[in-house]
Structures are given as structure tokens and as C-alpha cells.
Amino acid sequence: MRSSDKKRKTRQTGCFICGTAGFSARKFRGLTVDGQSYDIVFCKGCTLGRTDPFLDEDKLNAIYSSTYRENDSTRFFAPVEKLVRFLRAGRSRGIEKYSQKGRVLDIGCGRGDFLAMMAARGWDGYGLELDKRVESHSSPGVTLRYGGIGDVKFPDSYFSAVTLWHSFEHMREPEKAVTECRRVLKREGLLMVAVPNSSSIQ
């Protein structure tokens, strides 16, 4: 067996980031989504957290579809929504600090609220979401499409920036996703990734 095949086989049974077999006893218990209970276990090697049981693609798509906000863009009480908008504006400024203005791709875009803000700042916004209803929310300057980064084929070197705001942790093949992001980014393009920190208060 070639070393690459052996590594791939290890990652199918263990951690899909570092390949370590087995997860620690440290857990978050009782995470419930759509009536199903999950634990979060942590890799003994790199400490990556993952759900147990691990969601297959059909189940993951079903959860996205059931939680997609089609008619109302708000999720929290008004003061919290105000804070979310403030943080979203900070993200916009952060991108412009490190990237030339152009096209931006938001993977896991929801209703496209972040992209609407970017469009208002002069960007061309593109978004991907795992719910077919997302396409009905496209607007001038914002193109929303159903699918993931491996499903929708954009041209090489097409985007000035690619963002993943708490969507990267849901991907079953993160290495392939990063490779595809690199392909669609311009040579000096910016990749911004935010993932949960299990040690934070939030």
C-alpha cells in the first residue's frame, strides 16, 4: 500500500486533519439538533473537535435546510442583532485592509447579509449555501448559489477574497476545500477563515 493510500485510510477511521487514530475522553455532551443528540470529541493529536456521530452529507444538508432563514434575516434579540451587524462591518473593513477590492466569495453565506454589506461597499459578492432556497435571495451585486466549494466551479484566479465564517468546521474534506479556494483566488488573494474555539466563553 502506498503511503498516500495508507494516510487516506487512517484519516477515514481517525482524525481527518492529522490522521491520529482515536479521540480523547474530553467531550461536550448533549448538543441537540433536529431531535438528534451529539457529543463533541477531540483528537488526541491536534485537538480538533468533531461531532460524534459524525454527520454524513445528506444529514448535514438536511440540517442546513431546516435552519435556513428564508423570510426573516434576524436570529437574535435586537441588541444582539445590532452587535452582529457591528461585527459584520468589522469583517468588511478587515477584508479591505488586506485585499484589493473586487470579487468576494462567501462560503456558507446564509441569506447573504454579509455579501449585501460588501456590495454596498463596492464589491461584487458571490455566495454558496447548502439550501436551494438561497438563490432566490440574489440581488444587484450579490449572486447566491446552491452548493459547496467543490460543487460550483468558478474560473481560476477569479476572486480577490474568499471567506468562511464558521462554515469550514462543517466540511468533510477540508484539505480539498482549501485547495479549491486557492485555485479560485487571485495570486495575492485573501482567504479569511473563522472557526469555533471550544475554550472561549462564546
N, C-alpha and C. Protein backbone atom coordinates (compact mmCIF):
# COMPACT_ATOMS: atom_id res chain seq x y z
N MET A 1 0.84 -1.20 0.00
CA MET A 1 0.00 0.00 0.00
C MET A 1 0.88 1.24 0.00
N ARG A 2 0.61 2.19 -0.90
CA ARG A 2 1.37 3.42 -0.95
C ARG A 2 1.12 4.23 0.31
N SER A 3 2.11 5.09 0.66
CA SER A 3 1.98 5.88 1.88
C SER A 3 0.78 6.81 1.81
N SER A 4 0.49 7.36 0.61
CA SER A 4 -0.66 8.27 0.47
C SER A 4 -1.97 7.52 0.70
N ASP A 5 -2.04 6.25 0.22
CA ASP A 5 -3.24 5.45 0.44
C ASP A 5 -3.40 5.10 1.91
N LYS A 6 -2.26 4.78 2.56
CA LYS A 6 -2.29 4.44 3.98
C LYS A 6 -2.76 5.65 4.80
N LYS A 7 -2.25 6.83 4.45
CA LYS A 7 -2.64 8.05 5.15
C LYS A 7 -4.12 8.32 4.98
N ARG A 8 -4.63 8.13 3.75
CA ARG A 8 -6.05 8.36 3.48
C ARG A 8 -6.91 7.39 4.28
N LYS A 9 -6.48 6.13 4.36
CA LYS A 9 -7.24 5.13 5.11
C LYS A 9 -7.27 5.48 6.59
N THR A 10 -6.12 5.96 7.14
CA THR A 10 -6.06 6.35 8.54
C THR A 10 -7.02 7.48 8.82
N ARG A 11 -7.09 8.44 7.90
CA ARG A 11 -7.94 9.59 8.13
C ARG A 11 -9.41 9.25 8.05
N GLN A 12 -9.75 8.18 7.35
CA GLN A 12 -11.14 7.78 7.30
C GLN A 12 -11.59 7.20 8.63
N THR A 13 -10.67 6.59 9.38
CA THR A 13 -11.03 5.98 10.65
C THR A 13 -10.64 6.84 11.84
N GLY A 14 -9.83 7.87 11.64
CA GLY A 14 -9.39 8.74 12.71
C GLY A 14 -9.61 10.20 12.34
N CYS A 15 -8.69 11.02 12.78
CA CYS A 15 -8.79 12.46 12.53
C CYS A 15 -8.51 12.76 11.06
N PHE A 16 -9.40 13.53 10.42
CA PHE A 16 -9.17 13.82 9.01
C PHE A 16 -8.27 15.02 8.78
N ILE A 17 -7.69 15.57 9.86
CA ILE A 17 -6.70 16.64 9.72
C ILE A 17 -5.29 16.08 9.88
N CYS A 18 -5.02 15.42 11.02
CA CYS A 18 -3.65 14.96 11.28
C CYS A 18 -3.49 13.45 11.13
N GLY A 19 -4.60 12.70 11.03
CA GLY A 19 -4.52 11.27 10.82
C GLY A 19 -4.44 10.44 12.09
N THR A 20 -4.38 11.09 13.27
CA THR A 20 -4.30 10.36 14.53
C THR A 20 -5.55 9.50 14.74
N ALA A 21 -5.33 8.26 15.16
CA ALA A 21 -6.46 7.37 15.45
C ALA A 21 -6.90 7.57 16.89
N GLY A 22 -8.20 7.70 17.11
CA GLY A 22 -8.73 7.81 18.46
C GLY A 22 -8.94 9.24 18.90
N PHE A 23 -9.93 9.41 19.75
CA PHE A 23 -10.27 10.73 20.26
C PHE A 23 -10.27 10.71 21.78
N SER A 24 -10.02 11.84 22.38
CA SER A 24 -9.88 11.92 23.82
C SER A 24 -11.23 11.75 24.51
N ALA A 25 -11.17 11.51 25.82
CA ALA A 25 -12.40 11.35 26.59
C ALA A 25 -13.05 12.71 26.89
N ARG A 26 -12.30 13.80 26.67
CA ARG A 26 -12.87 15.12 26.94
C ARG A 26 -13.96 15.41 25.92
N LYS A 27 -15.16 15.75 26.38
CA LYS A 27 -16.29 15.92 25.48
C LYS A 27 -17.17 17.08 25.89
N PHE A 28 -17.91 17.59 24.91
CA PHE A 28 -19.09 18.39 25.18
C PHE A 28 -20.27 17.47 24.90
N ARG A 29 -21.15 17.31 25.85
CA ARG A 29 -22.25 16.37 25.69
C ARG A 29 -23.58 17.09 25.50
N GLY A 30 -24.48 16.40 24.79
CA GLY A 30 -25.86 16.85 24.75
C GLY A 30 -26.16 17.94 23.75
N LEU A 31 -25.34 18.11 22.72
CA LEU A 31 -25.68 19.04 21.64
C LEU A 31 -26.83 18.44 20.84
N THR A 32 -27.95 19.14 20.77
CA THR A 32 -29.13 18.59 20.11
C THR A 32 -29.51 19.44 18.91
N VAL A 33 -29.65 18.80 17.76
CA VAL A 33 -30.05 19.46 16.52
C VAL A 33 -31.09 18.59 15.84
N ASP A 34 -32.26 19.18 15.55
CA ASP A 34 -33.34 18.44 14.89
C ASP A 34 -33.68 17.13 15.60
N GLY A 35 -33.69 17.17 16.92
CA GLY A 35 -34.07 15.99 17.69
C GLY A 35 -32.99 14.94 17.85
N GLN A 36 -31.83 15.13 17.22
CA GLN A 36 -30.72 14.18 17.32
C GLN A 36 -29.67 14.73 18.29
N SER A 37 -29.20 13.88 19.19
CA SER A 37 -28.21 14.29 20.17
C SER A 37 -26.80 13.94 19.70
N TYR A 38 -25.86 14.86 19.91
CA TYR A 38 -24.47 14.65 19.51
C TYR A 38 -23.54 14.99 20.66
N ASP A 39 -22.39 14.34 20.70
CA ASP A 39 -21.28 14.76 21.55
C ASP A 39 -20.23 15.40 20.66
N ILE A 40 -19.35 16.18 21.26
CA ILE A 40 -18.19 16.70 20.54
C ILE A 40 -16.95 16.12 21.20
N VAL A 41 -16.19 15.35 20.43
CA VAL A 41 -14.98 14.70 20.94
C VAL A 41 -13.76 15.37 20.29
N PHE A 42 -12.58 15.17 20.90
CA PHE A 42 -11.40 15.91 20.47
C PHE A 42 -10.26 14.95 20.12
N CYS A 43 -9.60 15.25 19.01
CA CYS A 43 -8.49 14.43 18.54
C CYS A 43 -7.36 14.44 19.57
N LYS A 44 -6.74 13.27 19.82
CA LYS A 44 -5.63 13.18 20.75
C LYS A 44 -4.36 13.82 20.20
N GLY A 45 -4.31 13.99 18.87
CA GLY A 45 -3.12 14.56 18.26
C GLY A 45 -3.16 16.07 18.15
N CYS A 46 -4.13 16.59 17.39
CA CYS A 46 -4.17 18.03 17.11
C CYS A 46 -5.28 18.76 17.87
N THR A 47 -6.08 18.05 18.66
CA THR A 47 -7.17 18.58 19.48
C THR A 47 -8.36 19.08 18.66
N LEU A 48 -8.43 18.74 17.38
CA LEU A 48 -9.59 19.10 16.58
C LEU A 48 -10.85 18.50 17.21
N GLY A 49 -11.91 19.29 17.31
CA GLY A 49 -13.18 18.80 17.80
C GLY A 49 -14.07 18.37 16.64
N ARG A 50 -14.84 17.29 16.84
CA ARG A 50 -15.76 16.83 15.81
C ARG A 50 -16.99 16.22 16.49
N THR A 51 -18.10 16.25 15.76
CA THR A 51 -19.31 15.67 16.32
C THR A 51 -19.24 14.15 16.30
N ASP A 52 -19.90 13.55 17.27
CA ASP A 52 -19.99 12.09 17.35
C ASP A 52 -21.43 11.74 17.69
N PRO A 53 -22.17 11.10 16.79
CA PRO A 53 -21.71 10.59 15.49
C PRO A 53 -21.42 11.71 14.49
N PHE A 54 -20.54 11.39 13.52
CA PHE A 54 -20.16 12.37 12.51
C PHE A 54 -21.25 12.41 11.43
N LEU A 55 -21.66 13.61 11.05
CA LEU A 55 -22.76 13.76 10.11
C LEU A 55 -22.36 13.37 8.70
N ASP A 56 -23.21 12.58 8.03
CA ASP A 56 -22.97 12.34 6.62
C ASP A 56 -23.53 13.51 5.82
N GLU A 57 -23.22 13.56 4.52
CA GLU A 57 -23.56 14.73 3.71
C GLU A 57 -25.07 14.95 3.62
N ASP A 58 -25.84 13.89 3.51
CA ASP A 58 -27.30 14.03 3.41
C ASP A 58 -27.87 14.64 4.69
N LYS A 59 -27.40 14.18 5.85
CA LYS A 59 -27.89 14.70 7.12
C LYS A 59 -27.48 16.15 7.31
N LEU A 60 -26.25 16.47 6.92
CA LEU A 60 -25.78 17.84 7.05
C LEU A 60 -26.61 18.78 6.18
N ASN A 61 -26.89 18.38 4.95
CA ASN A 61 -27.71 19.20 4.07
C ASN A 61 -29.11 19.38 4.63
N ALA A 62 -29.66 18.32 5.24
CA ALA A 62 -31.00 18.41 5.81
C ALA A 62 -31.05 19.40 6.96
N ILE A 63 -30.00 19.43 7.78
CA ILE A 63 -29.95 20.37 8.90
C ILE A 63 -29.85 21.80 8.39
N TYR A 64 -29.00 22.02 7.39
CA TYR A 64 -28.91 23.35 6.81
C TYR A 64 -30.26 23.81 6.27
N SER A 65 -30.96 22.93 5.59
CA SER A 65 -32.24 23.27 5.01
C SER A 65 -33.27 23.60 6.09
N SER A 66 -33.24 22.86 7.20
CA SER A 66 -34.23 23.06 8.25
C SER A 66 -33.99 24.33 9.05
N THR A 67 -32.74 24.82 9.05
CA THR A 67 -32.43 26.01 9.84
C THR A 67 -32.24 27.26 8.97
N TYR A 68 -32.41 27.14 7.67
CA TYR A 68 -32.20 28.27 6.78
C TYR A 68 -33.27 29.33 7.01
N ARG A 69 -32.84 30.58 7.12
CA ARG A 69 -33.76 31.69 7.39
C ARG A 69 -34.21 32.30 6.07
N GLU A 70 -35.37 31.91 5.61
CA GLU A 70 -35.84 32.34 4.29
C GLU A 70 -36.56 33.68 4.34
N ASN A 71 -37.43 33.89 5.32
CA ASN A 71 -38.28 35.07 5.32
C ASN A 71 -37.86 36.14 6.31
N ASP A 72 -37.00 35.81 7.25
CA ASP A 72 -36.61 36.76 8.29
C ASP A 72 -35.12 36.62 8.52
N SER A 73 -34.38 37.71 8.33
CA SER A 73 -32.92 37.64 8.42
C SER A 73 -32.42 37.73 9.86
N THR A 74 -33.31 37.99 10.82
CA THR A 74 -32.86 38.14 12.19
C THR A 74 -32.85 36.79 12.90
N ARG A 75 -31.89 36.64 13.82
CA ARG A 75 -31.78 35.40 14.59
C ARG A 75 -31.86 35.67 16.08
N PHE A 76 -31.53 36.89 16.50
CA PHE A 76 -31.39 37.18 17.92
C PHE A 76 -32.25 38.39 18.29
N PHE A 77 -32.24 38.71 19.58
CA PHE A 77 -32.92 39.90 20.05
C PHE A 77 -32.24 41.13 19.45
N ALA A 78 -32.97 42.25 19.39
CA ALA A 78 -32.49 43.46 18.71
C ALA A 78 -31.10 43.90 19.15
N PRO A 79 -30.78 43.96 20.45
CA PRO A 79 -29.43 44.40 20.84
C PRO A 79 -28.33 43.47 20.31
N VAL A 80 -28.62 42.16 20.28
CA VAL A 80 -27.63 41.21 19.79
C VAL A 80 -27.48 41.35 18.28
N GLU A 81 -28.61 41.56 17.57
CA GLU A 81 -28.55 41.77 16.13
C GLU A 81 -27.71 43.01 15.80
N LYS A 82 -27.83 44.04 16.63
CA LYS A 82 -27.03 45.25 16.43
C LYS A 82 -25.54 44.93 16.57
N LEU A 83 -25.21 44.09 17.55
CA LEU A 83 -23.82 43.68 17.73
C LEU A 83 -23.34 42.85 16.54
N VAL A 84 -24.20 41.95 16.02
CA VAL A 84 -23.84 41.14 14.86
C VAL A 84 -23.53 42.03 13.66
N ARG A 85 -24.36 43.05 13.44
CA ARG A 85 -24.11 43.97 12.32
C ARG A 85 -22.80 44.72 12.51
N PHE A 86 -22.50 45.09 13.76
CA PHE A 86 -21.25 45.79 14.06
C PHE A 86 -20.05 44.89 13.74
N LEU A 87 -20.14 43.63 14.14
CA LEU A 87 -19.06 42.68 13.87
C LEU A 87 -18.93 42.42 12.37
N ARG A 88 -20.06 42.36 11.68
CA ARG A 88 -20.05 42.14 10.23
C ARG A 88 -19.34 43.30 9.53
N ALA A 89 -19.59 44.52 10.00
CA ALA A 89 -18.92 45.68 9.43
C ALA A 89 -17.42 45.62 9.68
N GLY A 90 -17.03 45.09 10.86
CA GLY A 90 -15.62 44.93 11.17
C GLY A 90 -14.96 43.93 10.24
N ARG A 91 -15.69 42.87 9.91
CA ARG A 91 -15.16 41.89 8.96
C ARG A 91 -14.94 42.53 7.60
N SER A 92 -15.88 43.35 7.18
CA SER A 92 -15.77 44.03 5.89
C SER A 92 -14.52 44.90 5.85
N ARG A 93 -14.32 45.67 6.91
CA ARG A 93 -13.13 46.54 6.96
C ARG A 93 -11.85 45.71 7.00
N GLY A 94 -11.89 44.56 7.68
CA GLY A 94 -10.72 43.71 7.75
C GLY A 94 -10.32 43.18 6.39
N ILE A 95 -11.30 42.80 5.61
CA ILE A 95 -11.02 42.31 4.25
C ILE A 95 -10.40 43.41 3.41
N GLU A 96 -10.96 44.61 3.50
CA GLU A 96 -10.45 45.72 2.69
C GLU A 96 -9.05 46.16 3.13
N LYS A 97 -8.69 45.85 4.37
CA LYS A 97 -7.35 46.19 4.85
C LYS A 97 -6.28 45.34 4.18
N TYR A 98 -6.65 44.10 3.83
CA TYR A 98 -5.66 43.16 3.31
C TYR A 98 -5.89 42.74 1.87
N SER A 99 -6.93 43.25 1.22
CA SER A 99 -7.25 42.80 -0.13
C SER A 99 -7.67 43.96 -1.02
N GLN A 100 -7.32 43.86 -2.28
CA GLN A 100 -7.79 44.81 -3.26
C GLN A 100 -9.28 44.56 -3.53
N LYS A 101 -10.03 45.62 -3.70
CA LYS A 101 -11.47 45.49 -3.94
C LYS A 101 -11.73 44.79 -5.27
N GLY A 102 -12.70 43.87 -5.27
CA GLY A 102 -13.03 43.11 -6.47
C GLY A 102 -14.17 42.17 -6.19
N ARG A 103 -13.98 40.89 -6.49
CA ARG A 103 -15.00 39.88 -6.21
C ARG A 103 -14.68 39.18 -4.89
N VAL A 104 -15.72 38.92 -4.11
CA VAL A 104 -15.57 38.19 -2.86
C VAL A 104 -16.53 37.01 -2.85
N LEU A 105 -16.04 35.85 -2.43
CA LEU A 105 -16.85 34.65 -2.31
C LEU A 105 -17.02 34.31 -0.85
N ASP A 106 -18.27 34.19 -0.39
CA ASP A 106 -18.56 33.81 0.99
C ASP A 106 -19.15 32.39 0.98
N ILE A 107 -18.42 31.44 1.54
CA ILE A 107 -18.84 30.03 1.56
C ILE A 107 -19.62 29.78 2.84
N GLY A 108 -20.88 29.36 2.69
CA GLY A 108 -21.77 29.26 3.84
C GLY A 108 -22.38 30.61 4.13
N CYS A 109 -22.95 31.23 3.10
CA CYS A 109 -23.33 32.64 3.14
C CYS A 109 -24.68 32.90 3.81
N GLY A 110 -25.45 31.85 4.15
CA GLY A 110 -26.78 32.10 4.71
C GLY A 110 -27.66 32.84 3.73
N ARG A 111 -28.29 33.91 4.18
CA ARG A 111 -29.13 34.74 3.31
C ARG A 111 -28.32 35.76 2.51
N GLY A 112 -27.04 35.83 2.76
CA GLY A 112 -26.20 36.77 2.01
C GLY A 112 -26.10 38.15 2.64
N ASP A 113 -26.40 38.27 3.95
CA ASP A 113 -26.37 39.58 4.61
C ASP A 113 -24.97 40.20 4.57
N PHE A 114 -23.94 39.39 4.81
CA PHE A 114 -22.57 39.89 4.75
C PHE A 114 -22.23 40.37 3.34
N LEU A 115 -22.66 39.62 2.33
CA LEU A 115 -22.36 39.99 0.95
C LEU A 115 -23.10 41.25 0.54
N ALA A 116 -24.30 41.44 1.07
CA ALA A 116 -25.04 42.68 0.78
C ALA A 116 -24.27 43.89 1.32
N MET A 117 -23.66 43.71 2.48
CA MET A 117 -22.85 44.79 3.04
C MET A 117 -21.61 45.03 2.18
N MET A 118 -20.99 43.96 1.69
CA MET A 118 -19.83 44.12 0.83
C MET A 118 -20.20 44.78 -0.48
N ALA A 119 -21.36 44.43 -1.03
CA ALA A 119 -21.82 45.05 -2.28
C ALA A 119 -22.02 46.54 -2.10
N ALA A 120 -22.54 46.93 -0.95
CA ALA A 120 -22.74 48.35 -0.67
C ALA A 120 -21.42 49.10 -0.58
N ARG A 121 -20.35 48.37 -0.34
CA ARG A 121 -19.01 48.97 -0.26
C ARG A 121 -18.27 48.88 -1.59
N GLY A 122 -18.98 48.39 -2.64
CA GLY A 122 -18.40 48.39 -3.98
C GLY A 122 -17.82 47.07 -4.44
N TRP A 123 -18.06 45.98 -3.70
CA TRP A 123 -17.58 44.67 -4.09
C TRP A 123 -18.63 43.93 -4.91
N ASP A 124 -18.19 42.95 -5.70
CA ASP A 124 -19.10 42.01 -6.34
C ASP A 124 -19.16 40.77 -5.45
N GLY A 125 -20.34 40.50 -4.89
CA GLY A 125 -20.47 39.42 -3.92
C GLY A 125 -21.00 38.13 -4.53
N TYR A 126 -20.38 37.02 -4.18
CA TYR A 126 -20.84 35.69 -4.57
C TYR A 126 -20.94 34.84 -3.30
N GLY A 127 -22.01 34.05 -3.21
CA GLY A 127 -22.19 33.24 -2.01
C GLY A 127 -22.61 31.82 -2.34
N LEU A 128 -22.19 30.88 -1.49
CA LEU A 128 -22.58 29.48 -1.60
C LEU A 128 -23.25 29.06 -0.31
N GLU A 129 -24.35 28.31 -0.46
CA GLU A 129 -25.08 27.82 0.71
C GLU A 129 -25.71 26.48 0.38
N LEU A 130 -25.82 25.60 1.39
CA LEU A 130 -26.36 24.27 1.17
C LEU A 130 -27.87 24.24 1.35
N ASP A 131 -28.55 25.14 0.68
CA ASP A 131 -30.01 25.14 0.64
C ASP A 131 -30.43 25.80 -0.67
N LYS A 132 -31.27 25.11 -1.43
CA LYS A 132 -31.63 25.60 -2.76
C LYS A 132 -32.40 26.91 -2.71
N ARG A 133 -33.02 27.24 -1.58
CA ARG A 133 -33.76 28.49 -1.47
C ARG A 133 -32.86 29.72 -1.50
N VAL A 134 -31.55 29.50 -1.31
CA VAL A 134 -30.64 30.63 -1.24
C VAL A 134 -30.65 31.46 -2.53
N GLU A 135 -30.84 30.82 -3.67
CA GLU A 135 -30.73 31.52 -4.95
C GLU A 135 -31.80 32.60 -5.11
N SER A 136 -32.93 32.46 -4.42
CA SER A 136 -33.99 33.46 -4.52
C SER A 136 -33.61 34.76 -3.83
N HIS A 137 -32.53 34.77 -3.06
CA HIS A 137 -32.11 35.96 -2.34
C HIS A 137 -30.99 36.72 -3.06
N SER A 138 -30.67 36.32 -4.28
CA SER A 138 -29.71 37.10 -5.06
C SER A 138 -30.28 38.49 -5.30
N SER A 139 -29.39 39.47 -5.40
CA SER A 139 -29.79 40.86 -5.59
C SER A 139 -28.70 41.57 -6.37
N PRO A 140 -28.93 42.81 -6.81
CA PRO A 140 -27.88 43.52 -7.55
C PRO A 140 -26.56 43.54 -6.77
N GLY A 141 -25.53 43.04 -7.39
CA GLY A 141 -24.22 42.99 -6.75
C GLY A 141 -23.98 41.76 -5.92
N VAL A 142 -25.01 40.90 -5.75
CA VAL A 142 -24.89 39.70 -4.92
C VAL A 142 -25.48 38.51 -5.66
N THR A 143 -24.64 37.52 -5.98
CA THR A 143 -25.08 36.30 -6.65
C THR A 143 -24.95 35.14 -5.68
N LEU A 144 -26.08 34.52 -5.32
CA LEU A 144 -26.09 33.41 -4.38
C LEU A 144 -26.42 32.12 -5.11
N ARG A 145 -25.66 31.07 -4.79
CA ARG A 145 -25.84 29.80 -5.49
C ARG A 145 -25.87 28.65 -4.50
N TYR A 146 -26.61 27.63 -4.87
CA TYR A 146 -26.70 26.42 -4.05
C TYR A 146 -25.49 25.53 -4.28
N GLY A 147 -24.90 25.03 -3.19
CA GLY A 147 -23.79 24.10 -3.30
C GLY A 147 -22.60 24.51 -2.46
N GLY A 148 -21.59 23.66 -2.47
CA GLY A 148 -20.36 23.93 -1.74
C GLY A 148 -19.24 24.30 -2.69
N ILE A 149 -18.06 24.57 -2.13
CA ILE A 149 -16.93 24.99 -2.94
C ILE A 149 -16.50 23.91 -3.92
N GLY A 150 -16.79 22.66 -3.63
CA GLY A 150 -16.45 21.59 -4.56
C GLY A 150 -17.50 21.32 -5.60
N ASP A 151 -18.68 21.93 -5.45
CA ASP A 151 -19.80 21.68 -6.37
C ASP A 151 -19.90 22.72 -7.47
N VAL A 152 -19.63 23.97 -7.14
CA VAL A 152 -19.78 25.08 -8.08
C VAL A 152 -18.40 25.45 -8.60
N LYS A 153 -18.21 25.35 -9.88
CA LYS A 153 -16.90 25.59 -10.48
C LYS A 153 -16.76 27.03 -10.96
N PHE A 154 -15.92 27.77 -10.27
CA PHE A 154 -15.59 29.14 -10.67
C PHE A 154 -14.28 29.12 -11.46
N PRO A 155 -14.03 30.15 -12.27
CA PRO A 155 -12.77 30.20 -13.03
C PRO A 155 -11.56 30.32 -12.11
N ASP A 156 -10.40 29.95 -12.61
CA ASP A 156 -9.16 30.14 -11.87
C ASP A 156 -8.95 31.63 -11.60
N SER A 157 -8.35 31.92 -10.44
CA SER A 157 -7.93 33.29 -10.10
C SER A 157 -9.07 34.29 -10.28
N TYR A 158 -10.24 33.94 -9.81
CA TYR A 158 -11.45 34.74 -10.06
C TYR A 158 -11.75 35.73 -8.94
N PHE A 159 -11.36 35.41 -7.70
CA PHE A 159 -11.76 36.21 -6.56
C PHE A 159 -10.58 36.93 -5.91
N SER A 160 -10.87 38.12 -5.41
CA SER A 160 -9.89 38.85 -4.60
C SER A 160 -9.87 38.34 -3.17
N ALA A 161 -11.02 37.83 -2.71
CA ALA A 161 -11.11 37.34 -1.33
C ALA A 161 -12.12 36.20 -1.26
N VAL A 162 -11.83 35.23 -0.40
CA VAL A 162 -12.76 34.14 -0.09
C VAL A 162 -12.90 34.08 1.43
N THR A 163 -14.14 34.00 1.91
CA THR A 163 -14.37 33.98 3.35
C THR A 163 -15.17 32.74 3.75
N LEU A 164 -14.84 32.22 4.92
CA LEU A 164 -15.59 31.12 5.53
C LEU A 164 -15.84 31.51 6.98
N TRP A 165 -17.00 32.06 7.26
CA TRP A 165 -17.36 32.47 8.61
C TRP A 165 -18.10 31.31 9.28
N HIS A 166 -17.40 30.52 10.05
CA HIS A 166 -17.98 29.39 10.78
C HIS A 166 -18.72 28.42 9.85
N SER A 167 -18.07 28.11 8.75
CA SER A 167 -18.56 27.07 7.85
C SER A 167 -17.49 26.02 7.59
N PHE A 168 -16.22 26.39 7.76
CA PHE A 168 -15.12 25.47 7.49
C PHE A 168 -15.20 24.22 8.36
N GLU A 169 -15.66 24.39 9.60
CA GLU A 169 -15.70 23.25 10.52
C GLU A 169 -16.74 22.20 10.13
N HIS A 170 -17.64 22.53 9.20
CA HIS A 170 -18.66 21.59 8.77
C HIS A 170 -18.23 20.76 7.56
N MET A 171 -17.07 21.05 7.00
CA MET A 171 -16.67 20.40 5.76
C MET A 171 -16.04 19.04 6.03
N ARG A 172 -16.47 18.04 5.27
CA ARG A 172 -15.97 16.68 5.45
C ARG A 172 -14.57 16.51 4.86
N GLU A 173 -14.21 17.32 3.87
CA GLU A 173 -12.90 17.22 3.23
C GLU A 173 -12.24 18.60 3.22
N PRO A 174 -11.76 19.05 4.38
CA PRO A 174 -11.23 20.41 4.49
C PRO A 174 -10.03 20.69 3.59
N GLU A 175 -9.17 19.67 3.38
CA GLU A 175 -7.99 19.89 2.53
C GLU A 175 -8.41 20.21 1.09
N LYS A 176 -9.39 19.48 0.59
CA LYS A 176 -9.87 19.74 -0.76
C LYS A 176 -10.49 21.12 -0.85
N ALA A 177 -11.18 21.54 0.19
CA ALA A 177 -11.81 22.86 0.19
C ALA A 177 -10.75 23.96 0.12
N VAL A 178 -9.68 23.82 0.90
CA VAL A 178 -8.61 24.82 0.88
C VAL A 178 -7.92 24.85 -0.48
N THR A 179 -7.71 23.67 -1.06
CA THR A 179 -7.10 23.61 -2.39
C THR A 179 -7.95 24.31 -3.43
N GLU A 180 -9.26 24.12 -3.35
CA GLU A 180 -10.16 24.77 -4.30
C GLU A 180 -10.20 26.28 -4.06
N CYS A 181 -10.16 26.70 -2.81
CA CYS A 181 -10.11 28.13 -2.51
C CYS A 181 -8.86 28.76 -3.12
N ARG A 182 -7.75 28.06 -3.00
CA ARG A 182 -6.50 28.57 -3.58
C ARG A 182 -6.62 28.71 -5.09
N ARG A 183 -7.28 27.75 -5.73
CA ARG A 183 -7.43 27.79 -7.18
C ARG A 183 -8.23 29.00 -7.63
N VAL A 184 -9.32 29.31 -6.94
CA VAL A 184 -10.21 30.39 -7.39
C VAL A 184 -9.73 31.77 -6.94
N LEU A 185 -8.76 31.81 -6.02
CA LEU A 185 -8.23 33.08 -5.56
C LEU A 185 -7.16 33.63 -6.51
N LYS A 186 -7.12 34.94 -6.63
CA LYS A 186 -6.03 35.57 -7.36
C LYS A 186 -4.71 35.33 -6.61
N ARG A 187 -3.61 35.57 -7.28
CA ARG A 187 -2.30 35.26 -6.71
C ARG A 187 -2.09 35.96 -5.37
N GLU A 188 -2.52 37.21 -5.26
CA GLU A 188 -2.39 37.95 -4.00
C GLU A 188 -3.72 37.98 -3.25
N GLY A 189 -4.58 37.00 -3.54
CA GLY A 189 -5.90 36.97 -2.93
C GLY A 189 -5.86 36.64 -1.44
N LEU A 190 -6.97 36.93 -0.76
CA LEU A 190 -7.07 36.77 0.68
C LEU A 190 -8.06 35.68 1.04
N LEU A 191 -7.65 34.75 1.91
CA LEU A 191 -8.54 33.73 2.45
C LEU A 191 -8.72 34.02 3.94
N MET A 192 -9.98 34.25 4.35
CA MET A 192 -10.28 34.51 5.76
C MET A 192 -11.17 33.39 6.29
N VAL A 193 -10.74 32.76 7.38
CA VAL A 193 -11.45 31.63 7.96
C VAL A 193 -11.69 31.88 9.44
N ALA A 194 -12.93 31.72 9.88
CA ALA A 194 -13.26 31.78 11.30
C ALA A 194 -13.89 30.44 11.69
N VAL A 195 -13.38 29.85 12.77
CA VAL A 195 -13.92 28.57 13.26
C VAL A 195 -14.14 28.69 14.77
N PRO A 196 -14.99 27.83 15.34
CA PRO A 196 -15.25 27.90 16.78
C PRO A 196 -14.01 27.57 17.60
N ASN A 197 -13.91 28.20 18.76
CA ASN A 197 -12.87 27.90 19.73
C ASN A 197 -13.56 27.31 20.96
N SER A 198 -13.37 26.03 21.19
CA SER A 198 -14.10 25.35 22.26
C SER A 198 -13.70 25.85 23.66
N SER A 199 -12.61 26.61 23.76
CA SER A 199 -12.18 27.14 25.05
C SER A 199 -12.71 28.54 25.33
N SER A 200 -13.41 29.12 24.35
CA SER A 200 -13.87 30.50 24.54
C SER A 200 -15.17 30.54 25.33
N ILE A 201 -15.49 31.69 25.88
CA ILE A 201 -16.75 31.87 26.61
C ILE A 201 -17.93 31.72 25.65
N GLN A 202 -17.79 32.28 24.46
CA GLN A 202 -18.88 32.19 23.46
C GLN A 202 -19.22 30.76 23.16
